[in-house]
Amino acid sequence: MRYIGTDIEMTVNNHTINYMDEGPDHAPVIIFIHGFPFNKSMWNKQVEILIENYRIIAYDVRGHGSSSIGTDKFSIEIFVDDLLGLMDALKIEKAMLCGLSMGGYIALNAVENFPKRFGALILCDTNCMADTPEAKVKRMISIENIENFGVEYFATESIKNLFAPESFVTNKEKIAAIKEMIIGTSVESLSSTLTALSTRKDTCTGLANIRIPVLIVVGKEDKITPPDASRMMQRNIRGSILSIIEHAGHLSNIENSYEFNSHLKKFISSVYKKRQIIQR
C-alpha cells in the first residue's frame, strides 16, 4: 500500500527515514537527494512543477531533517544502502535520480554500483572527485569549529560560500531558510557527515561506464563545486548535457529555480518521450 504525503516515516536499515511521496500512482518515478546539511524541503520548487505528471520521492538523508541518525557509521556507501532500502520498501524497481552536492555523491555511487536500478541521472552542483588532502583538513577544522563554537556559527560561515554574491541582496528569504535547515541539524550529524564526505571514494573513473541519460547542472558562480568540475564530468559521460545556471552559486535549484526548472523539465520530458517511442 502506497502512502501519499509530504511527511511520511518508514524504518529502513534500522533507522527512520522521513520522506515525501506525491504524484500519480503509475507515473515515472523521480527521486531527489538533498545536499549537506539540508533536508528534502530544498526541492520544493522542483516538486511543485513535476507532481502532476511524475511520482516524486524526496527524502531526508539519515541524520538530516526528520530522519534519525541510526547506529551505523556514516559513509556514502551507507547513504546508498538507505536509498536502495527505501526504493525496495516502496517497491520502486527503477527511478530517475537527482542529487545536489552530497546528493550527487550518493547518486554517482548508486549508479556506479547499481546501474540497473536507475533510468536517468541529474547531477546538480556536485563533482566526482574525492576530497583533496587540503579539503579533508578544512572538513576537520569545520568539525572542531562546530564543537567549539556551535552550529549557528557553522551555519553563518557556511552561508558565505553557498550563494552567489547577488543572492545576498535578491534572495534573503531563501538564505534565511537554508540557514535554519543547517541550524536544525545536530552536532553529531554534522560531524559524522563531514567525516563521511572527507573519506568518500573517487567516482570519476566510472563516468565512462554510465549508459543512461545524464543532465549536469551547476550555478555559474558555484564556489564549492565550480563549473569546471561539471565540464569535466560532462566530457567523460557520453551524451551528457551540461546546463550552467546564471545568477546562482552552489544552490542553483533555489537561487534561480526558474532557469533550473526549465532545464530540468526539458531533460525529464525528453527522457520519457524517447522511452515511449522505443516502447512502441
Protein backbone atom coordinates (compact mmCIF):
# COMPACT_ATOMS: atom_id res chain seq x y z
CA MET A 1 0.00 0.00 0.00
CA ARG A 2 1.34 3.40 -1.00
CA TYR A 3 1.19 6.31 1.44
CA ILE A 4 0.92 9.73 -0.18
CA GLY A 5 2.08 12.86 1.61
CA THR A 6 4.95 15.16 2.47
CA ASP A 7 5.83 13.89 5.96
CA ILE A 8 5.92 10.08 5.96
CA GLU A 9 8.13 7.89 8.12
CA MET A 10 9.47 4.43 7.38
CA THR A 11 12.06 2.22 9.06
CA VAL A 12 14.89 1.32 6.69
CA ASN A 13 18.22 -0.26 7.69
CA ASN A 14 17.37 0.12 11.39
CA HIS A 15 16.73 3.85 11.28
CA THR A 16 13.76 6.07 10.48
CA ILE A 17 13.64 7.78 7.09
CA ASN A 18 11.33 10.76 6.66
CA TYR A 19 10.19 11.19 3.07
CA MET A 20 7.57 12.65 0.78
CA ASP A 21 5.79 10.69 -1.93
CA GLU A 22 3.48 12.58 -4.28
CA GLY A 23 2.17 12.37 -7.83
CA PRO A 24 0.22 9.78 -9.85
CA ASP A 25 0.48 6.11 -8.88
CA HIS A 26 1.82 4.66 -12.11
CA ALA A 27 3.83 7.64 -13.32
CA PRO A 28 7.63 7.53 -13.84
CA VAL A 29 9.48 7.89 -10.53
CA ILE A 30 11.98 10.67 -9.81
CA ILE A 31 13.95 10.57 -6.54
CA PHE A 32 15.55 13.74 -5.17
CA ILE A 33 18.52 13.68 -2.76
CA HIS A 34 19.41 16.89 -0.95
CA GLY A 35 22.83 18.36 -0.22
CA PHE A 36 24.68 18.77 3.08
CA PRO A 37 23.47 19.84 5.58
CA PHE A 38 19.96 20.48 4.29
CA ASN A 39 16.76 18.44 4.00
CA LYS A 40 14.18 17.37 1.45
CA SER A 41 12.35 20.71 1.54
CA MET A 42 15.14 22.24 -0.56
CA TRP A 43 13.44 20.58 -3.54
CA ASN A 44 10.00 22.16 -3.00
CA LYS A 45 10.16 24.34 -6.14
CA GLN A 46 11.05 21.32 -8.25
CA VAL A 47 8.36 19.14 -6.72
CA GLU A 48 5.72 21.76 -7.49
CA ILE A 49 6.33 21.65 -11.23
CA LEU A 50 6.59 17.86 -11.54
CA ILE A 51 3.95 16.22 -9.33
CA GLU A 52 1.20 16.48 -11.94
CA ASN A 53 2.96 14.09 -14.32
CA TYR A 54 5.52 12.21 -12.23
CA ARG A 55 5.73 10.32 -8.96
CA ILE A 56 8.14 12.32 -6.82
CA ILE A 57 10.11 10.94 -3.89
CA ALA A 58 12.25 13.30 -1.80
CA TYR A 59 13.72 12.12 1.49
CA ASP A 60 15.87 13.30 4.37
CA VAL A 61 19.27 11.60 4.35
CA ARG A 62 19.95 9.90 7.69
CA GLY A 63 20.74 12.44 10.40
CA HIS A 64 19.25 15.30 8.38
CA GLY A 65 15.80 16.87 8.54
CA SER A 66 13.48 14.48 10.35
CA SER A 67 15.37 11.25 9.59
CA SER A 68 17.06 9.60 12.55
CA ILE A 69 20.81 9.13 12.88
CA GLY A 70 20.72 5.37 13.39
CA THR A 71 23.63 3.38 14.77
CA ASP A 72 25.79 2.83 11.67
CA LYS A 73 28.91 4.86 10.94
CA PHE A 74 28.11 7.47 8.30
CA SER A 75 29.54 6.91 4.82
CA ILE A 76 28.44 7.46 1.24
CA GLU A 77 28.01 3.68 0.99
CA ILE A 78 25.62 3.67 3.97
CA PHE A 79 23.67 6.54 2.39
CA VAL A 80 23.42 4.49 -0.84
CA ASP A 81 22.20 1.48 1.15
CA ASP A 82 19.50 3.70 2.64
CA LEU A 83 18.45 4.88 -0.83
CA LEU A 84 18.19 1.32 -2.15
CA GLY A 85 16.43 0.23 1.03
CA LEU A 86 13.83 2.97 0.61
CA MET A 87 13.31 2.05 -3.04
CA ASP A 88 12.86 -1.61 -2.10
CA ALA A 89 10.42 -0.77 0.69
CA LEU A 90 8.38 1.38 -1.72
CA LYS A 91 8.62 -1.35 -4.40
CA ILE A 92 10.34 1.01 -6.83
CA GLU A 93 12.34 -1.13 -9.24
CA LYS A 94 13.76 1.72 -11.30
CA ALA A 95 13.85 5.51 -10.98
CA MET A 96 15.41 8.69 -12.28
CA LEU A 97 17.81 10.07 -9.69
CA CYS A 98 18.53 13.74 -8.97
CA GLY A 99 21.14 14.75 -6.40
CA LEU A 100 22.72 18.05 -5.40
CA SER A 101 26.22 18.28 -3.89
CA MET A 102 26.29 15.45 -1.30
CA GLY A 103 23.18 14.11 -3.02
CA GLY A 104 25.23 13.97 -6.21
CA TYR A 105 27.95 11.96 -4.46
CA ILE A 106 25.30 9.49 -3.32
CA ALA A 107 23.72 9.37 -6.79
CA LEU A 108 27.03 8.74 -8.59
CA ASN A 109 27.95 5.96 -6.17
CA ALA A 110 24.50 4.40 -6.55
CA VAL A 111 24.54 4.50 -10.36
CA GLU A 112 28.07 3.09 -10.45
CA ASN A 113 27.24 0.15 -8.18
CA PHE A 114 23.58 -0.48 -9.02
CA PRO A 115 23.21 0.67 -12.65
CA LYS A 116 20.10 -1.41 -13.37
CA ARG A 117 18.09 0.46 -10.72
CA PHE A 118 18.32 3.86 -12.43
CA GLY A 119 17.00 5.06 -15.77
CA ALA A 120 18.46 8.58 -15.82
CA LEU A 121 20.64 10.82 -13.69
CA ILE A 122 20.65 14.53 -12.83
CA LEU A 123 23.80 15.83 -11.13
CA CYS A 124 23.50 19.29 -9.57
CA ASP A 125 26.39 21.37 -8.23
CA THR A 126 28.49 18.32 -7.46
CA ASN A 127 31.61 16.52 -8.63
CA CYS A 128 33.09 13.05 -8.93
CA MET A 129 36.43 13.69 -7.23
CA ALA A 130 37.36 12.56 -3.74
CA ASP A 131 38.46 15.20 -1.25
CA THR A 132 41.98 16.50 -1.66
CA PRO A 133 44.20 16.49 1.45
CA GLU A 134 43.53 20.23 1.77
CA ALA A 135 39.76 19.70 1.59
CA LYS A 136 39.95 16.98 4.24
CA VAL A 137 41.79 19.35 6.56
CA LYS A 138 39.10 22.00 6.04
CA ARG A 139 36.38 19.49 6.96
CA MET A 140 38.23 18.54 10.14
CA ILE A 141 38.57 22.23 11.02
CA SER A 142 34.82 22.60 10.47
CA ILE A 143 34.17 19.75 12.91
CA GLU A 144 36.36 21.45 15.51
CA ASN A 145 34.57 24.77 14.95
CA ILE A 146 31.16 23.13 15.35
CA GLU A 147 32.24 21.52 18.62
CA ASN A 148 33.90 24.71 19.93
CA PHE A 149 31.61 27.47 18.64
CA GLY A 150 28.30 25.75 17.91
CA VAL A 151 26.04 25.02 14.97
CA GLU A 152 24.89 28.61 14.44
CA TYR A 153 28.49 29.72 13.90
CA PHE A 154 28.95 26.90 11.37
CA ALA A 155 25.72 27.92 9.61
CA THR A 156 26.79 31.57 9.38
CA GLU A 157 30.19 30.63 7.95
CA SER A 158 28.71 28.08 5.51
CA ILE A 159 26.22 30.55 4.06
CA LYS A 160 29.08 32.76 2.86
CA ASN A 161 30.15 30.16 0.30
CA LEU A 162 26.81 28.64 -0.66
CA PHE A 163 25.30 31.53 -2.59
CA ALA A 164 26.20 33.84 -5.45
CA PRO A 165 27.03 37.38 -4.24
CA GLU A 166 23.85 38.88 -5.68
CA SER A 167 21.71 36.38 -3.78
CA PHE A 168 22.55 38.15 -0.54
CA VAL A 169 20.53 41.06 -1.95
CA THR A 170 17.86 39.29 -4.01
CA ASN A 171 17.35 36.02 -2.11
CA LYS A 172 17.43 36.96 1.57
CA GLU A 173 14.40 34.82 2.49
CA LYS A 174 15.86 31.76 0.77
CA ILE A 175 19.19 32.27 2.52
CA ALA A 176 17.40 32.52 5.87
CA ALA A 177 15.55 29.27 5.15
CA ILE A 178 18.79 27.46 4.31
CA LYS A 179 20.42 28.77 7.47
CA GLU A 180 17.52 27.38 9.51
CA MET A 181 18.00 23.97 7.87
CA ILE A 182 21.65 23.97 8.91
CA ILE A 183 20.91 25.12 12.46
CA GLY A 184 18.30 22.36 12.73
CA THR A 185 20.94 19.68 12.12
CA SER A 186 22.53 18.11 15.19
CA VAL A 187 26.22 18.43 16.07
CA GLU A 188 26.57 14.64 15.84
CA SER A 189 25.09 14.50 12.36
CA LEU A 190 27.13 17.45 11.09
CA SER A 191 30.38 15.96 12.36
CA SER A 192 29.59 12.44 11.18
CA THR A 193 28.59 13.63 7.71
CA LEU A 194 31.66 15.83 7.33
CA THR A 195 33.79 12.80 8.14
CA ALA A 196 31.86 10.69 5.62
CA LEU A 197 32.32 13.31 2.91
CA SER A 198 36.05 13.57 3.61
CA THR A 199 36.53 9.80 3.18
CA ARG A 200 34.33 9.30 0.12
CA LYS A 201 35.78 7.46 -2.87
CA ASP A 202 36.53 8.98 -6.26
CA THR A 203 33.83 8.09 -8.82
CA CYS A 204 35.45 9.81 -11.82
CA THR A 205 36.84 6.56 -13.25
CA GLY A 206 33.31 5.18 -13.54
CA LEU A 207 31.91 8.09 -15.56
CA ALA A 208 32.74 6.48 -18.90
CA ASN A 209 30.65 3.45 -17.96
CA ILE A 210 27.43 5.42 -17.43
CA ARG A 211 24.98 4.45 -20.16
CA ILE A 212 21.85 6.31 -19.09
CA PRO A 213 20.78 9.88 -19.97
CA VAL A 214 22.56 12.42 -17.77
CA LEU A 215 21.93 16.11 -17.13
CA ILE A 216 24.60 18.09 -15.27
CA VAL A 217 23.53 21.40 -13.75
CA VAL A 218 25.74 23.94 -12.00
CA GLY A 219 25.47 27.52 -10.80
CA LYS A 220 27.72 29.84 -12.79
CA GLU A 221 29.12 31.26 -9.54
CA ASP A 222 29.39 28.00 -7.59
CA LYS A 223 32.50 28.30 -5.38
CA ILE A 224 32.24 24.84 -3.80
CA THR A 225 31.91 22.71 -6.95
CA PRO A 226 32.82 25.15 -9.74
CA PRO A 227 31.58 24.84 -13.34
CA ASP A 228 34.95 23.38 -14.40
CA ALA A 229 34.20 20.27 -12.32
CA SER A 230 30.88 19.91 -14.14
CA ARG A 231 32.54 20.43 -17.51
CA MET A 232 34.97 17.63 -16.72
CA MET A 233 32.12 15.26 -15.86
CA GLN A 234 30.25 16.24 -19.00
CA ARG A 235 33.29 15.42 -21.15
CA ASN A 236 33.56 11.98 -19.56
CA ILE A 237 29.90 10.93 -19.58
CA ARG A 238 28.90 10.00 -23.10
CA GLY A 239 25.94 12.01 -24.39
CA SER A 240 25.51 14.01 -21.19
CA ILE A 241 24.10 17.54 -21.20
CA LEU A 242 25.58 20.47 -19.27
CA SER A 243 23.47 23.43 -18.14
CA ILE A 244 25.11 26.39 -16.40
CA ILE A 245 22.64 28.43 -14.36
CA GLU A 246 23.04 32.19 -14.35
CA HIS A 247 22.73 34.23 -11.12
CA ALA A 248 23.38 31.16 -8.96
CA GLY A 249 26.04 29.69 -6.73
CA HIS A 250 26.09 26.24 -5.10
CA LEU A 251 22.32 26.05 -4.61
CA SER A 252 21.27 26.65 -8.20
CA ASN A 253 17.87 24.97 -7.79
CA ILE A 254 16.96 27.51 -5.08
CA GLU A 255 18.73 30.67 -6.24
CA ASN A 256 17.41 30.56 -9.80
CA SER A 257 14.64 27.99 -9.68
CA TYR A 258 13.01 29.37 -12.85
CA GLU A 259 16.02 28.65 -15.07
CA PHE A 260 16.90 25.46 -13.20
CA ASN A 261 13.36 24.13 -13.59
CA SER A 262 13.32 24.96 -17.27
CA HIS A 263 16.35 22.74 -17.90
CA LEU A 264 15.01 20.09 -15.53
CA LYS A 265 11.61 19.80 -17.24
CA LYS A 266 13.14 19.76 -20.71
CA PHE A 267 15.52 16.93 -19.79
CA ILE A 268 12.93 14.81 -17.98
CA SER A 269 10.43 15.25 -20.78
CA SER A 270 12.99 14.23 -23.41
CA VAL A 271 14.00 11.12 -21.46
CA TYR A 272 10.47 9.80 -21.11
CA LYS A 273 9.42 10.84 -24.61
CA LYS A 274 12.29 8.81 -26.09
CA ARG A 275 11.38 5.88 -23.84
CA GLN A 276 7.78 5.92 -25.05
CA ILE A 277 8.92 5.94 -28.68
CA ILE A 278 11.24 2.98 -28.05
CA GLN A 279 8.48 1.05 -26.28
CA ARG A 280 6.18 1.48 -29.28
